[in-house]
N, C-alpha and C. Protein backbone atom coordinates (compact mmCIF):
# COMPACT_ATOMS: atom_id res chain seq x y z
N UNK A 1 13.94 -17.03 -3.99
CA UNK A 1 12.79 -16.57 -3.96
C UNK A 1 12.79 -15.46 -5.70
N UNK A 2 11.90 -15.37 -5.99
CA UNK A 2 11.80 -14.82 -7.04
C UNK A 2 11.28 -13.09 -7.29
N UNK A 3 11.19 -12.22 -7.76
CA UNK A 3 10.51 -10.93 -7.43
C UNK A 3 9.33 -10.71 -8.16
N UNK A 4 8.33 -10.56 -7.92
CA UNK A 4 7.16 -10.97 -8.82
C UNK A 4 6.59 -9.21 -8.58
N UNK A 5 5.92 -8.65 -9.45
CA UNK A 5 5.68 -7.12 -9.51
C UNK A 5 4.69 -6.77 -8.18
N UNK A 6 3.64 -7.96 -8.04
CA UNK A 6 2.51 -7.42 -7.16
C UNK A 6 3.33 -7.76 -5.90
N UNK A 7 4.28 -8.00 -5.86
CA UNK A 7 5.27 -7.92 -4.16
C UNK A 7 5.92 -7.04 -4.12
N UNK A 8 6.04 -6.05 -5.06
CA UNK A 8 7.12 -4.80 -4.84
C UNK A 8 6.10 -3.55 -4.85
N UNK A 9 5.17 -3.32 -4.78
CA UNK A 9 4.25 -2.57 -4.96
C UNK A 9 3.59 -2.29 -3.85
N UNK A 10 3.39 -0.62 -3.69
CA UNK A 10 2.65 -0.26 -2.17
C UNK A 10 3.43 -0.53 -1.18
N UNK A 11 3.01 0.24 -0.04
CA UNK A 11 3.68 0.33 1.24
C UNK A 11 4.17 -1.14 1.87
N UNK A 12 4.60 -1.61 2.63
CA UNK A 12 4.39 -2.56 3.74
C UNK A 12 3.74 -2.27 4.53
N UNK A 13 2.56 -3.50 5.05
CA UNK A 13 1.99 -3.41 6.39
C UNK A 13 2.44 -4.07 7.93
N UNK A 14 3.56 -4.86 7.55
CA UNK A 14 3.63 -5.58 8.61
C UNK A 14 5.34 -5.80 8.19
N UNK A 15 6.23 -6.30 9.68
CA UNK A 15 7.51 -6.28 9.54
C UNK A 15 8.08 -7.27 8.76
N UNK A 16 7.11 -8.62 8.74
CA UNK A 16 7.43 -9.20 8.07
C UNK A 16 7.52 -9.04 6.25
N UNK A 17 6.95 -8.03 6.05
CA UNK A 17 6.74 -7.52 4.56
C UNK A 17 8.16 -7.08 4.16
N UNK A 18 8.09 -6.15 5.49
CA UNK A 18 9.71 -5.51 5.01
C UNK A 18 10.71 -6.25 4.71
N UNK A 19 10.72 -7.80 5.71
CA UNK A 19 11.84 -8.20 5.81
C UNK A 19 12.16 -9.06 4.66
N UNK A 20 10.76 -8.91 3.77
CA UNK A 20 10.65 -9.94 2.83
C UNK A 20 11.45 -8.73 1.53
N UNK A 21 10.82 -7.76 1.60
CA UNK A 21 11.39 -6.57 0.51
C UNK A 21 13.29 -6.53 0.77
N UNK A 22 13.87 -6.58 1.88
CA UNK A 22 15.27 -6.64 1.96
C UNK A 22 15.64 -7.57 1.60
N UNK A 23 15.25 -9.07 1.66
CA UNK A 23 15.58 -9.86 1.01
C UNK A 23 15.34 -10.28 -0.33
N UNK A 24 14.61 -9.02 -0.96
CA UNK A 24 14.82 -9.09 -2.34
C UNK A 24 15.79 -8.21 -2.69
N UNK A 25 15.92 -7.22 -2.04
CA UNK A 25 16.91 -6.45 -2.33
C UNK A 25 18.23 -6.72 -2.17
N UNK A 26 18.42 -7.82 -1.31
CA UNK A 26 19.71 -8.74 -0.75
C UNK A 26 20.06 -9.44 -2.21
N UNK A 27 18.82 -10.11 -2.74
CA UNK A 27 19.34 -10.93 -3.99
C UNK A 27 19.79 -10.22 -5.23
N UNK A 28 19.27 -8.99 -5.42
CA UNK A 28 19.08 -7.99 -6.69
C UNK A 28 20.68 -7.42 -6.12
N UNK A 29 20.94 -7.24 -5.15
CA UNK A 29 22.69 -6.77 -4.74
C UNK A 29 23.37 -7.98 -5.25
N UNK A 30 23.08 -8.87 -4.47
CA UNK A 30 24.10 -10.21 -4.56
C UNK A 30 24.26 -10.47 -6.05
N UNK A 31 23.47 -10.49 -6.97
CA UNK A 31 23.56 -10.68 -8.42
C UNK A 31 24.35 -9.52 -8.89
N UNK A 32 23.62 -8.67 -8.76
CA UNK A 32 24.72 -7.13 -9.54
C UNK A 32 26.46 -7.28 -8.92
N UNK A 33 26.68 -7.62 -7.54
CA UNK A 33 27.80 -7.92 -7.20
C UNK A 33 28.59 -9.31 -8.15
N UNK A 34 27.58 -10.28 -8.29
CA UNK A 34 28.15 -11.36 -8.91
C UNK A 34 29.11 -11.02 -10.32
N UNK A 35 28.04 -9.85 -10.79
CA UNK A 35 28.26 -9.36 -12.30
C UNK A 35 29.23 -8.53 -12.49
N UNK A 36 29.81 -7.94 -11.32
CA UNK A 36 30.77 -6.98 -11.56
C UNK A 36 31.75 -7.71 -10.88
N UNK A 37 31.68 -8.50 -9.90
CA UNK A 37 33.37 -9.24 -9.33
C UNK A 37 33.24 -10.69 -9.10
N UNK A 38 32.05 -11.39 -9.36
CA UNK A 38 32.13 -12.90 -8.95
C UNK A 38 32.53 -13.79 -10.32
N UNK A 39 31.90 -15.19 -10.50
CA UNK A 39 32.18 -15.96 -11.28
C UNK A 39 30.89 -15.43 -12.78
N UNK A 40 30.18 -14.45 -12.27
CA UNK A 40 29.12 -14.30 -13.08
C UNK A 40 29.60 -12.86 -13.67
N UNK A 41 31.28 -12.54 -13.65
CA UNK A 41 31.74 -11.24 -13.92
C UNK A 41 31.47 -11.17 -15.76
N UNK A 42 31.20 -10.04 -15.97
CA UNK A 42 30.82 -9.17 -17.44
C UNK A 42 32.67 -9.23 -17.64
N UNK A 43 33.29 -9.83 -18.36
CA UNK A 43 34.74 -9.37 -18.66
C UNK A 43 34.86 -8.77 -19.85
N UNK A 44 34.14 -8.94 -20.97
CA UNK A 44 34.44 -8.71 -22.18
C UNK A 44 33.94 -6.95 -22.22
N UNK A 45 35.02 -6.37 -22.73
CA UNK A 45 35.36 -5.08 -22.59
C UNK A 45 34.36 -4.44 -23.88
N UNK A 46 33.67 -5.07 -24.78
CA UNK A 46 32.57 -4.26 -25.64
C UNK A 46 31.34 -4.56 -24.83
N UNK A 47 31.37 -4.85 -23.43
CA UNK A 47 30.02 -5.09 -22.96
C UNK A 47 30.27 -4.63 -21.08
N UNK A 48 31.02 -3.53 -21.62
CA UNK A 48 31.57 -2.92 -20.45
C UNK A 48 30.17 -1.67 -19.92
N UNK A 49 29.18 -1.41 -20.75
CA UNK A 49 27.96 -0.83 -20.46
C UNK A 49 27.30 -1.45 -19.99
N UNK A 50 27.01 -2.40 -20.48
CA UNK A 50 26.70 -3.64 -19.27
C UNK A 50 26.77 -3.64 -17.50
N UNK A 51 28.16 -3.93 -17.28
CA UNK A 51 29.06 -3.96 -16.32
C UNK A 51 28.86 -2.31 -15.74
N UNK A 52 28.61 -1.05 -16.28
CA UNK A 52 27.89 -0.02 -15.80
C UNK A 52 26.87 0.09 -15.67
N UNK A 53 25.91 -0.32 -15.96
CA UNK A 53 24.16 -0.99 -15.28
C UNK A 53 24.69 -1.76 -14.51
N UNK A 54 24.95 -2.67 -14.31
CA UNK A 54 25.00 -3.59 -12.96
C UNK A 54 25.21 -2.73 -12.01
N UNK A 55 26.24 -1.61 -12.06
CA UNK A 55 26.74 -0.62 -10.95
C UNK A 55 25.92 -0.09 -10.03
N UNK A 56 25.23 0.61 -11.44
CA UNK A 56 23.98 1.51 -10.87
C UNK A 56 23.20 0.83 -10.44
N UNK A 57 22.31 -0.23 -11.09
CA UNK A 57 21.45 -1.08 -10.23
C UNK A 57 22.41 -1.68 -8.71
N UNK A 58 23.31 -1.70 -8.61
CA UNK A 58 23.64 -2.56 -7.44
C UNK A 58 23.34 -1.05 -6.24
N UNK A 59 23.47 -0.02 -6.45
CA UNK A 59 23.65 1.29 -6.11
C UNK A 59 22.34 1.52 -5.75
N UNK A 60 21.34 1.17 -6.75
CA UNK A 60 20.13 1.87 -6.29
C UNK A 60 19.52 0.91 -5.42
N UNK A 61 19.81 -0.51 -5.55
CA UNK A 61 19.15 -1.62 -4.41
C UNK A 61 19.86 -0.96 -3.13
N UNK A 62 21.15 -0.98 -3.22
CA UNK A 62 21.48 -0.30 -1.55
C UNK A 62 20.94 0.53 -1.00
N UNK A 63 20.56 1.50 -1.98
CA UNK A 63 19.94 3.47 -1.39
C UNK A 63 18.56 2.64 -1.12
N UNK A 64 17.89 1.69 -1.70
CA UNK A 64 16.65 1.19 -1.77
C UNK A 64 16.55 0.20 -0.20
N UNK A 65 17.41 -0.52 -0.13
CA UNK A 65 17.52 -1.65 1.14
C UNK A 65 17.52 -0.62 2.60
N UNK A 66 18.32 0.88 2.34
CA UNK A 66 18.52 1.47 3.65
C UNK A 66 17.16 2.27 4.00
N UNK A 67 16.45 2.51 3.07
CA UNK A 67 15.49 2.97 2.91
C UNK A 67 14.51 2.33 3.32
N UNK A 68 14.25 1.32 2.82
CA UNK A 68 13.24 0.04 3.67
C UNK A 68 13.89 -0.23 4.68
N UNK A 69 14.72 -0.44 5.26
CA UNK A 69 15.59 -0.42 7.00
C UNK A 69 15.24 0.71 8.14
N UNK A 70 15.45 1.64 7.31
CA UNK A 70 14.89 3.11 8.22
C UNK A 70 13.25 3.13 7.99
N UNK A 71 12.17 2.67 6.96
CA UNK A 71 11.21 2.74 7.30
C UNK A 71 10.69 1.32 8.39
N UNK A 72 11.24 0.25 8.26
CA UNK A 72 10.60 -0.55 9.05
C UNK A 72 10.94 0.01 10.83
N UNK A 73 12.34 0.52 10.67
CA UNK A 73 12.21 0.88 12.33
C UNK A 73 11.37 1.90 12.28
N UNK A 74 11.11 2.72 11.65
CA UNK A 74 10.29 4.04 11.71
C UNK A 74 8.69 3.30 12.36
N UNK A 75 8.41 2.55 11.27
CA UNK A 75 6.94 1.74 11.64
C UNK A 75 6.98 1.06 12.44
N UNK A 76 7.94 0.21 13.25
CA UNK A 76 7.78 -0.35 14.77
C UNK A 76 7.96 0.24 15.82
N UNK A 77 8.77 1.74 15.71
CA UNK A 77 8.75 2.48 16.91
C UNK A 77 7.59 3.40 17.13
N UNK A 78 6.76 3.58 15.69
CA UNK A 78 5.14 4.36 15.62
C UNK A 78 4.56 3.31 16.73
N UNK A 79 4.51 1.83 16.33
CA UNK A 79 3.50 0.71 16.96
C UNK A 79 3.88 1.03 18.41
N UNK A 80 5.33 0.85 18.67
CA UNK A 80 5.46 1.24 20.25
C UNK A 80 4.86 2.19 20.69
N UNK A 81 5.12 3.03 20.23
CA UNK A 81 4.46 4.42 20.97
C UNK A 81 3.24 4.31 21.12
N UNK A 82 2.62 3.88 20.17
CA UNK A 82 1.25 3.49 20.21
C UNK A 82 0.85 2.66 21.15
N UNK A 83 1.39 1.81 21.38
CA UNK A 83 1.23 0.85 22.88
C UNK A 83 1.13 1.47 24.10
N UNK A 84 2.37 2.35 23.72
CA UNK A 84 2.76 3.08 24.97
C UNK A 84 1.81 4.14 25.31
N UNK A 85 1.02 4.67 24.56
CA UNK A 85 0.54 6.00 24.91
C UNK A 85 -1.42 5.41 25.13
N UNK A 86 -1.41 3.95 24.34
CA UNK A 86 -2.74 3.25 24.85
C UNK A 86 -2.50 2.65 26.28
N UNK A 87 -1.75 2.51 27.16
CA UNK A 87 -1.33 1.87 27.87
C UNK A 87 -1.15 3.09 29.41
N UNK A 88 -1.17 3.94 28.72
CA UNK A 88 -1.56 5.57 29.65
C UNK A 88 0.08 5.62 30.49
N UNK A 89 1.32 4.88 29.68
CA UNK A 89 2.44 5.24 30.37
C UNK A 89 3.19 6.68 29.41
N UNK A 90 2.87 6.96 28.78
CA UNK A 90 3.18 8.32 28.13
C UNK A 90 2.19 9.07 27.81
N UNK A 91 2.14 10.48 27.13
CA UNK A 91 1.02 11.00 27.16
C UNK A 91 1.89 12.03 25.81
N UNK A 92 1.36 11.95 24.24
CA UNK A 92 1.96 12.65 23.40
C UNK A 92 0.85 13.60 22.90
């Protein structure tokens, strides 16, 4: 899966779009971690700045993933509440 600019703009409308965002963030996190600790690790001390940048990007991706998961759950809860309200089971 590749990250296309048009796939990361705007807010998702469906749970599947949230899942796709999580997959893309997982890919970014995995790549960043491999550059920090895995076979793709940047070992040259001269390139320590690049290693630090990867650490920052991994941290940003983890934070973004947490927010995406939270937003997805809120969207799902909102839809459930709407259905309950429409069915007359609850009155908000």
